[in-house]
N, C-alpha and C. Protein backbone atom coordinates (compact mmCIF):
# COMPACT_ATOMS: atom_id res chain seq x y z
N MET A 1 11.82 12.91 -15.23
CA MET A 1 11.49 11.62 -14.63
C MET A 1 10.84 11.89 -13.26
N ASP A 2 9.82 11.13 -12.95
CA ASP A 2 9.07 11.28 -11.69
C ASP A 2 9.88 10.76 -10.51
N SER A 3 10.03 11.60 -9.50
CA SER A 3 10.76 11.17 -8.31
C SER A 3 9.88 11.22 -7.06
N LYS A 4 8.56 11.24 -7.25
CA LYS A 4 7.64 11.23 -6.11
C LYS A 4 7.84 9.94 -5.32
N TYR A 5 7.90 10.07 -4.01
CA TYR A 5 8.13 8.97 -3.06
C TYR A 5 9.58 8.49 -3.03
N LEU A 6 10.48 9.11 -3.78
CA LEU A 6 11.86 8.65 -3.82
C LEU A 6 12.79 9.63 -3.11
N VAL A 7 13.76 9.08 -2.40
CA VAL A 7 14.80 9.85 -1.73
C VAL A 7 16.12 9.18 -2.07
N LYS A 8 17.12 10.01 -2.37
CA LYS A 8 18.44 9.45 -2.69
C LYS A 8 19.40 9.78 -1.55
N GLN A 9 19.99 8.74 -0.97
CA GLN A 9 20.97 8.88 0.10
C GLN A 9 22.14 7.98 -0.23
N HIS A 10 23.34 8.56 -0.15
CA HIS A 10 24.56 7.78 -0.40
C HIS A 10 24.51 7.03 -1.73
N ASN A 11 23.99 7.71 -2.76
CA ASN A 11 23.94 7.17 -4.12
C ASN A 11 23.01 5.96 -4.26
N THR A 12 22.05 5.82 -3.34
CA THR A 12 21.08 4.73 -3.40
C THR A 12 19.68 5.31 -3.17
N TYR A 13 18.73 4.90 -3.99
CA TYR A 13 17.36 5.38 -3.85
C TYR A 13 16.58 4.53 -2.85
N SER A 14 15.72 5.23 -2.09
CA SER A 14 14.78 4.59 -1.18
C SER A 14 13.40 5.12 -1.49
N VAL A 15 12.39 4.30 -1.23
CA VAL A 15 11.01 4.74 -1.35
C VAL A 15 10.53 5.14 0.04
N VAL A 16 9.85 6.30 0.13
CA VAL A 16 9.39 6.84 1.40
C VAL A 16 7.93 7.26 1.27
N VAL A 17 7.10 6.79 2.19
CA VAL A 17 5.70 7.20 2.26
C VAL A 17 5.44 7.74 3.65
N GLU A 18 5.03 9.01 3.71
CA GLU A 18 4.74 9.66 4.99
C GLU A 18 3.42 9.16 5.56
N ILE A 19 3.38 8.95 6.86
CA ILE A 19 2.16 8.53 7.56
C ILE A 19 1.46 9.80 8.05
N PRO A 20 0.15 9.93 7.84
CA PRO A 20 -0.57 11.12 8.31
C PRO A 20 -0.38 11.32 9.82
N LYS A 21 -0.27 12.58 10.25
CA LYS A 21 -0.01 12.91 11.66
C LYS A 21 -0.98 12.22 12.61
N ARG A 22 -2.23 12.15 12.25
CA ARG A 22 -3.22 11.57 13.16
C ARG A 22 -3.02 10.06 13.37
N LEU A 23 -2.24 9.41 12.51
CA LEU A 23 -2.01 7.98 12.62
C LEU A 23 -0.59 7.63 13.08
N GLN A 24 0.27 8.62 13.22
CA GLN A 24 1.67 8.37 13.57
C GLN A 24 1.83 7.71 14.94
N ALA A 25 1.07 8.15 15.92
CA ALA A 25 1.19 7.57 17.26
C ALA A 25 0.82 6.09 17.24
N LYS A 26 -0.24 5.76 16.54
CA LYS A 26 -0.68 4.37 16.44
C LYS A 26 0.35 3.52 15.69
N ALA A 27 0.92 4.08 14.63
CA ALA A 27 1.91 3.36 13.83
C ALA A 27 3.27 3.30 14.52
N GLY A 28 3.54 4.26 15.40
CA GLY A 28 4.82 4.29 16.10
C GLY A 28 5.96 4.81 15.25
N GLN A 29 5.63 5.45 14.14
CA GLN A 29 6.66 6.02 13.27
C GLN A 29 6.03 7.11 12.40
N LYS A 30 6.87 7.92 11.77
CA LYS A 30 6.41 9.02 10.94
C LYS A 30 6.32 8.67 9.47
N ARG A 31 7.06 7.65 9.06
CA ARG A 31 7.10 7.29 7.65
C ARG A 31 7.51 5.84 7.47
N PHE A 32 7.12 5.30 6.34
CA PHE A 32 7.61 3.99 5.93
C PHE A 32 8.75 4.25 4.94
N LYS A 33 9.83 3.51 5.06
CA LYS A 33 10.98 3.70 4.18
C LYS A 33 11.60 2.34 3.86
N LYS A 34 11.96 2.16 2.58
CA LYS A 34 12.58 0.91 2.14
C LYS A 34 13.62 1.24 1.07
N SER A 35 14.82 0.73 1.26
CA SER A 35 15.87 0.92 0.26
C SER A 35 15.54 0.10 -0.98
N LEU A 36 15.74 0.72 -2.14
CA LEU A 36 15.52 0.02 -3.41
C LEU A 36 16.82 -0.55 -3.96
N GLN A 37 17.91 -0.28 -3.31
CA GLN A 37 19.23 -0.82 -3.63
C GLN A 37 19.61 -0.60 -5.10
N THR A 38 19.35 0.62 -5.57
CA THR A 38 19.74 0.99 -6.93
C THR A 38 20.15 2.45 -6.95
N ASP A 39 21.06 2.79 -7.87
CA ASP A 39 21.45 4.18 -8.05
C ASP A 39 20.81 4.77 -9.31
N SER A 40 19.96 3.99 -9.96
CA SER A 40 19.29 4.40 -11.19
C SER A 40 17.89 4.94 -10.88
N LEU A 41 17.64 6.19 -11.29
CA LEU A 41 16.32 6.78 -11.09
C LEU A 41 15.26 6.00 -11.86
N ALA A 42 15.56 5.58 -13.06
CA ALA A 42 14.60 4.82 -13.87
C ALA A 42 14.25 3.50 -13.19
N GLU A 43 15.23 2.80 -12.68
CA GLU A 43 14.99 1.53 -11.98
C GLU A 43 14.19 1.77 -10.70
N ALA A 44 14.54 2.83 -9.96
CA ALA A 44 13.83 3.16 -8.72
C ALA A 44 12.36 3.44 -9.01
N ASN A 45 12.09 4.16 -10.08
CA ASN A 45 10.69 4.45 -10.46
C ASN A 45 9.94 3.17 -10.79
N ARG A 46 10.60 2.23 -11.40
CA ARG A 46 9.96 0.96 -11.74
C ARG A 46 9.65 0.15 -10.48
N LEU A 47 10.57 0.18 -9.51
CA LEU A 47 10.45 -0.65 -8.30
C LEU A 47 9.54 -0.05 -7.23
N LYS A 48 9.41 1.26 -7.19
CA LYS A 48 8.72 1.92 -6.07
C LYS A 48 7.25 1.58 -5.95
N HIS A 49 6.57 1.32 -7.05
CA HIS A 49 5.11 1.16 -7.03
C HIS A 49 4.65 0.02 -6.11
N HIS A 50 5.37 -1.07 -6.10
CA HIS A 50 5.03 -2.19 -5.24
C HIS A 50 5.05 -1.76 -3.76
N TYR A 51 6.08 -1.05 -3.36
CA TYR A 51 6.22 -0.63 -1.96
C TYR A 51 5.23 0.48 -1.59
N VAL A 52 5.03 1.44 -2.48
CA VAL A 52 4.07 2.52 -2.22
C VAL A 52 2.69 1.92 -1.99
N HIS A 53 2.29 1.00 -2.83
CA HIS A 53 0.97 0.36 -2.68
C HIS A 53 0.87 -0.37 -1.34
N GLY A 54 1.89 -1.12 -0.99
CA GLY A 54 1.89 -1.85 0.29
C GLY A 54 1.86 -0.92 1.49
N PHE A 55 2.64 0.15 1.44
CA PHE A 55 2.66 1.11 2.55
C PHE A 55 1.31 1.79 2.68
N GLN A 56 0.70 2.17 1.57
CA GLN A 56 -0.60 2.83 1.62
C GLN A 56 -1.68 1.89 2.14
N ARG A 57 -1.58 0.60 1.85
CA ARG A 57 -2.52 -0.38 2.41
C ARG A 57 -2.37 -0.44 3.93
N LYS A 58 -1.13 -0.44 4.42
CA LYS A 58 -0.90 -0.48 5.87
C LYS A 58 -1.49 0.76 6.54
N ILE A 59 -1.35 1.92 5.91
CA ILE A 59 -1.89 3.16 6.47
C ILE A 59 -3.41 3.10 6.53
N ALA A 60 -4.03 2.50 5.54
CA ALA A 60 -5.50 2.46 5.45
C ALA A 60 -6.12 1.45 6.40
N LEU A 61 -5.35 0.51 6.95
CA LEU A 61 -5.91 -0.48 7.86
C LEU A 61 -6.44 0.18 9.13
N PRO A 62 -7.57 -0.32 9.64
CA PRO A 62 -8.15 0.30 10.85
C PRO A 62 -7.32 0.07 12.09
């Protein structure tokens, strides 16, 4: 099962997208992270795409 962009902490999956170093100062953070509030890898994989797409759009903004 694909676990790209997923991190498991305390039996709960979160989606994490790293911000490129050159944009971190402007963004004021190193990564975007959002809890998916599930302990199921299959459910986390289903839910992550919405957040990954949104985080990547924020990174791409000028």
